[in-house]
């Protein structure tokens, strides 16, 4: 059984208009499962594993030799 939440979409102008007012809650989720859980509680969230992809790019390449 899944709980359904009413989702209020926040736009860029909404965020801009809150300057100097109520704090903005923003989080990063590394996968969709976490994003689904925290979505009702934040103004906006970033979803993705760009950090993981960056770390993968820094790994040394395999130096396999072909016979």
N, C-alpha and C. Protein backbone atom coordinates (compact mmCIF):
# COMPACT_ATOMS: atom_id res chain seq x y z
N UNK A 1 0.85 -1.17 0.00
CA UNK A 1 0.00 0.00 0.00
C UNK A 1 0.90 1.24 0.00
N UNK A 2 0.67 2.09 -0.95
CA UNK A 2 1.49 3.30 -1.08
C UNK A 2 0.69 4.53 -0.66
N UNK A 3 1.34 5.40 0.08
CA UNK A 3 0.70 6.67 0.45
C UNK A 3 0.82 7.62 -0.73
N UNK A 4 -0.23 8.36 -0.98
CA UNK A 4 -0.22 9.35 -2.06
C UNK A 4 -0.12 10.74 -1.46
N UNK A 5 0.80 11.53 -1.96
CA UNK A 5 0.98 12.90 -1.49
C UNK A 5 0.60 13.85 -2.62
N UNK A 6 -0.02 14.96 -2.25
CA UNK A 6 -0.28 16.00 -3.24
C UNK A 6 1.04 16.71 -3.50
N UNK A 7 1.45 16.76 -4.75
CA UNK A 7 2.74 17.35 -5.09
C UNK A 7 2.53 18.76 -5.58
N UNK A 8 3.17 19.72 -4.91
CA UNK A 8 3.13 21.10 -5.36
C UNK A 8 4.46 21.37 -6.05
N UNK A 9 4.41 21.65 -7.30
CA UNK A 9 5.64 21.92 -8.05
C UNK A 9 6.14 23.32 -7.74
N UNK A 10 7.44 23.44 -7.51
CA UNK A 10 8.08 24.71 -7.21
C UNK A 10 8.84 25.14 -8.47
N UNK A 11 8.60 26.34 -8.91
CA UNK A 11 9.26 26.85 -10.11
C UNK A 11 10.43 27.76 -9.72
N UNK A 12 11.27 28.08 -10.69
CA UNK A 12 12.40 28.98 -10.44
C UNK A 12 11.93 30.34 -9.92
N UNK A 13 10.87 30.94 -10.48
CA UNK A 13 10.39 32.20 -9.91
C UNK A 13 9.92 32.06 -8.46
N UNK A 14 9.35 30.90 -8.10
CA UNK A 14 8.94 30.68 -6.70
C UNK A 14 10.15 30.75 -5.78
N UNK A 15 11.23 30.12 -6.19
CA UNK A 15 12.46 30.12 -5.38
C UNK A 15 13.01 31.55 -5.28
N UNK A 16 13.03 32.26 -6.39
CA UNK A 16 13.54 33.63 -6.40
C UNK A 16 12.71 34.53 -5.47
N UNK A 17 11.40 34.36 -5.48
CA UNK A 17 10.52 35.19 -4.65
C UNK A 17 10.67 34.91 -3.16
N UNK A 18 11.26 33.79 -2.80
CA UNK A 18 11.45 33.46 -1.38
C UNK A 18 12.74 34.05 -0.81
N UNK A 19 13.50 34.77 -1.63
CA UNK A 19 14.74 35.37 -1.14
C UNK A 19 14.44 36.28 0.04
N UNK A 20 15.14 36.04 1.13
CA UNK A 20 14.95 36.82 2.35
C UNK A 20 13.75 36.37 3.17
N UNK A 21 13.06 35.34 2.71
CA UNK A 21 11.89 34.84 3.42
C UNK A 21 12.15 33.47 4.02
N UNK A 22 11.22 32.57 3.79
CA UNK A 22 11.32 31.22 4.34
C UNK A 22 12.50 30.48 3.73
N UNK A 23 13.18 29.67 4.53
CA UNK A 23 14.31 28.89 4.01
C UNK A 23 13.86 27.92 2.92
N UNK A 24 14.77 27.61 2.01
CA UNK A 24 14.50 26.67 0.94
C UNK A 24 15.17 25.35 1.32
N UNK A 25 14.41 24.26 1.23
CA UNK A 25 14.94 22.94 1.56
C UNK A 25 15.27 22.23 0.25
N UNK A 26 16.55 21.91 0.06
CA UNK A 26 17.01 21.22 -1.15
C UNK A 26 17.94 20.09 -0.75
N UNK A 27 17.77 18.95 -1.36
CA UNK A 27 18.60 17.78 -1.07
C UNK A 27 19.01 17.10 -2.37
N UNK A 28 20.00 16.24 -2.27
CA UNK A 28 20.42 15.41 -3.41
C UNK A 28 20.12 13.97 -3.07
N UNK A 29 19.49 13.28 -4.01
CA UNK A 29 19.23 11.84 -3.88
C UNK A 29 20.06 11.14 -4.94
N UNK A 30 20.70 10.06 -4.57
CA UNK A 30 21.56 9.37 -5.52
C UNK A 30 20.83 8.37 -6.39
N UNK A 31 19.57 8.06 -6.06
CA UNK A 31 18.79 7.18 -6.91
C UNK A 31 17.30 7.47 -6.72
N UNK A 32 16.50 6.96 -7.61
CA UNK A 32 15.07 7.27 -7.64
C UNK A 32 14.33 6.80 -6.39
N UNK A 33 14.77 5.71 -5.79
CA UNK A 33 14.09 5.20 -4.59
C UNK A 33 14.15 6.21 -3.45
N UNK A 34 15.32 6.76 -3.21
CA UNK A 34 15.46 7.77 -2.17
C UNK A 34 14.70 9.04 -2.54
N UNK A 35 14.75 9.42 -3.80
CA UNK A 35 14.03 10.62 -4.25
C UNK A 35 12.54 10.50 -3.98
N UNK A 36 11.98 9.33 -4.23
CA UNK A 36 10.55 9.12 -4.01
C UNK A 36 10.19 9.28 -2.53
N UNK A 37 11.07 8.86 -1.66
CA UNK A 37 10.80 8.95 -0.22
C UNK A 37 10.86 10.40 0.27
N UNK A 38 11.85 11.17 -0.17
CA UNK A 38 12.04 12.51 0.37
C UNK A 38 11.30 13.60 -0.40
N UNK A 39 10.79 13.30 -1.58
CA UNK A 39 10.14 14.30 -2.43
C UNK A 39 9.06 15.12 -1.72
N UNK A 40 8.18 14.53 -0.93
CA UNK A 40 7.13 15.34 -0.30
C UNK A 40 7.62 16.34 0.75
N UNK A 41 8.87 16.19 1.18
CA UNK A 41 9.37 16.99 2.30
C UNK A 41 10.33 18.10 1.91
N UNK A 42 10.66 18.23 0.63
CA UNK A 42 11.64 19.22 0.20
C UNK A 42 11.05 20.12 -0.88
N UNK A 43 11.64 21.32 -1.04
CA UNK A 43 11.20 22.22 -2.10
C UNK A 43 11.70 21.75 -3.46
N UNK A 44 12.94 21.31 -3.51
CA UNK A 44 13.43 20.68 -4.73
C UNK A 44 14.56 19.73 -4.41
N UNK A 45 14.77 18.77 -5.29
CA UNK A 45 15.86 17.85 -5.08
C UNK A 45 16.55 17.52 -6.39
N UNK A 46 17.82 17.24 -6.26
CA UNK A 46 18.64 16.85 -7.39
C UNK A 46 18.77 15.34 -7.34
N UNK A 47 18.56 14.69 -8.47
CA UNK A 47 18.64 13.23 -8.50
C UNK A 47 19.72 12.83 -9.49
N UNK A 48 20.63 12.00 -9.04
CA UNK A 48 21.67 11.50 -9.93
C UNK A 48 22.91 11.12 -9.19
N UNK A 49 23.78 10.43 -9.88
CA UNK A 49 25.02 9.98 -9.29
C UNK A 49 26.20 10.57 -10.03
N UNK A 50 26.17 11.88 -10.21
CA UNK A 50 27.27 12.52 -10.94
C UNK A 50 28.58 12.41 -10.16
N UNK A 51 28.52 12.36 -8.83
CA UNK A 51 29.74 12.18 -8.04
C UNK A 51 30.36 10.83 -8.36
N UNK A 52 29.54 9.80 -8.39
CA UNK A 52 30.04 8.47 -8.72
C UNK A 52 30.65 8.43 -10.10
N UNK A 53 30.03 9.11 -11.03
CA UNK A 53 30.56 9.13 -12.39
C UNK A 53 31.89 9.89 -12.42
N UNK A 54 32.01 10.94 -11.63
CA UNK A 54 33.26 11.69 -11.57
C UNK A 54 34.37 10.83 -10.98
N UNK A 55 34.03 10.08 -9.94
CA UNK A 55 35.04 9.21 -9.32
C UNK A 55 35.45 8.11 -10.29
N UNK A 56 34.50 7.60 -11.08
CA UNK A 56 34.84 6.57 -12.06
C UNK A 56 35.82 7.13 -13.09
N UNK A 57 35.66 8.37 -13.46
CA UNK A 57 36.54 8.97 -14.46
C UNK A 57 37.97 9.12 -13.93
N UNK A 58 38.12 9.18 -12.62
CA UNK A 58 39.45 9.36 -12.03
C UNK A 58 40.17 8.04 -11.80
N UNK A 59 39.47 6.91 -11.94
CA UNK A 59 40.11 5.61 -11.74
C UNK A 59 41.12 5.35 -12.84
N UNK A 60 42.23 4.70 -12.50
CA UNK A 60 43.19 4.37 -13.55
C UNK A 60 42.59 3.37 -14.52
N UNK A 61 42.94 3.52 -15.77
CA UNK A 61 42.41 2.63 -16.81
C UNK A 61 43.08 1.25 -16.69
N UNK A 62 42.34 0.25 -17.10
CA UNK A 62 42.85 -1.11 -17.10
C UNK A 62 44.01 -1.23 -18.08
N UNK A 63 45.10 -1.79 -17.65
CA UNK A 63 46.27 -1.96 -18.49
C UNK A 63 46.39 -3.41 -18.95
N UNK A 64 45.28 -3.94 -19.44
CA UNK A 64 45.26 -5.34 -19.89
C UNK A 64 46.10 -5.51 -21.15
N UNK A 65 46.79 -6.61 -21.24
CA UNK A 65 47.59 -6.89 -22.43
C UNK A 65 46.89 -7.95 -23.25
N UNK A 66 46.85 -7.75 -24.53
CA UNK A 66 46.27 -8.77 -25.39
C UNK A 66 47.41 -9.64 -25.92
N UNK A 67 47.16 -10.94 -25.96
CA UNK A 67 48.20 -11.89 -26.38
C UNK A 67 48.21 -12.07 -27.88
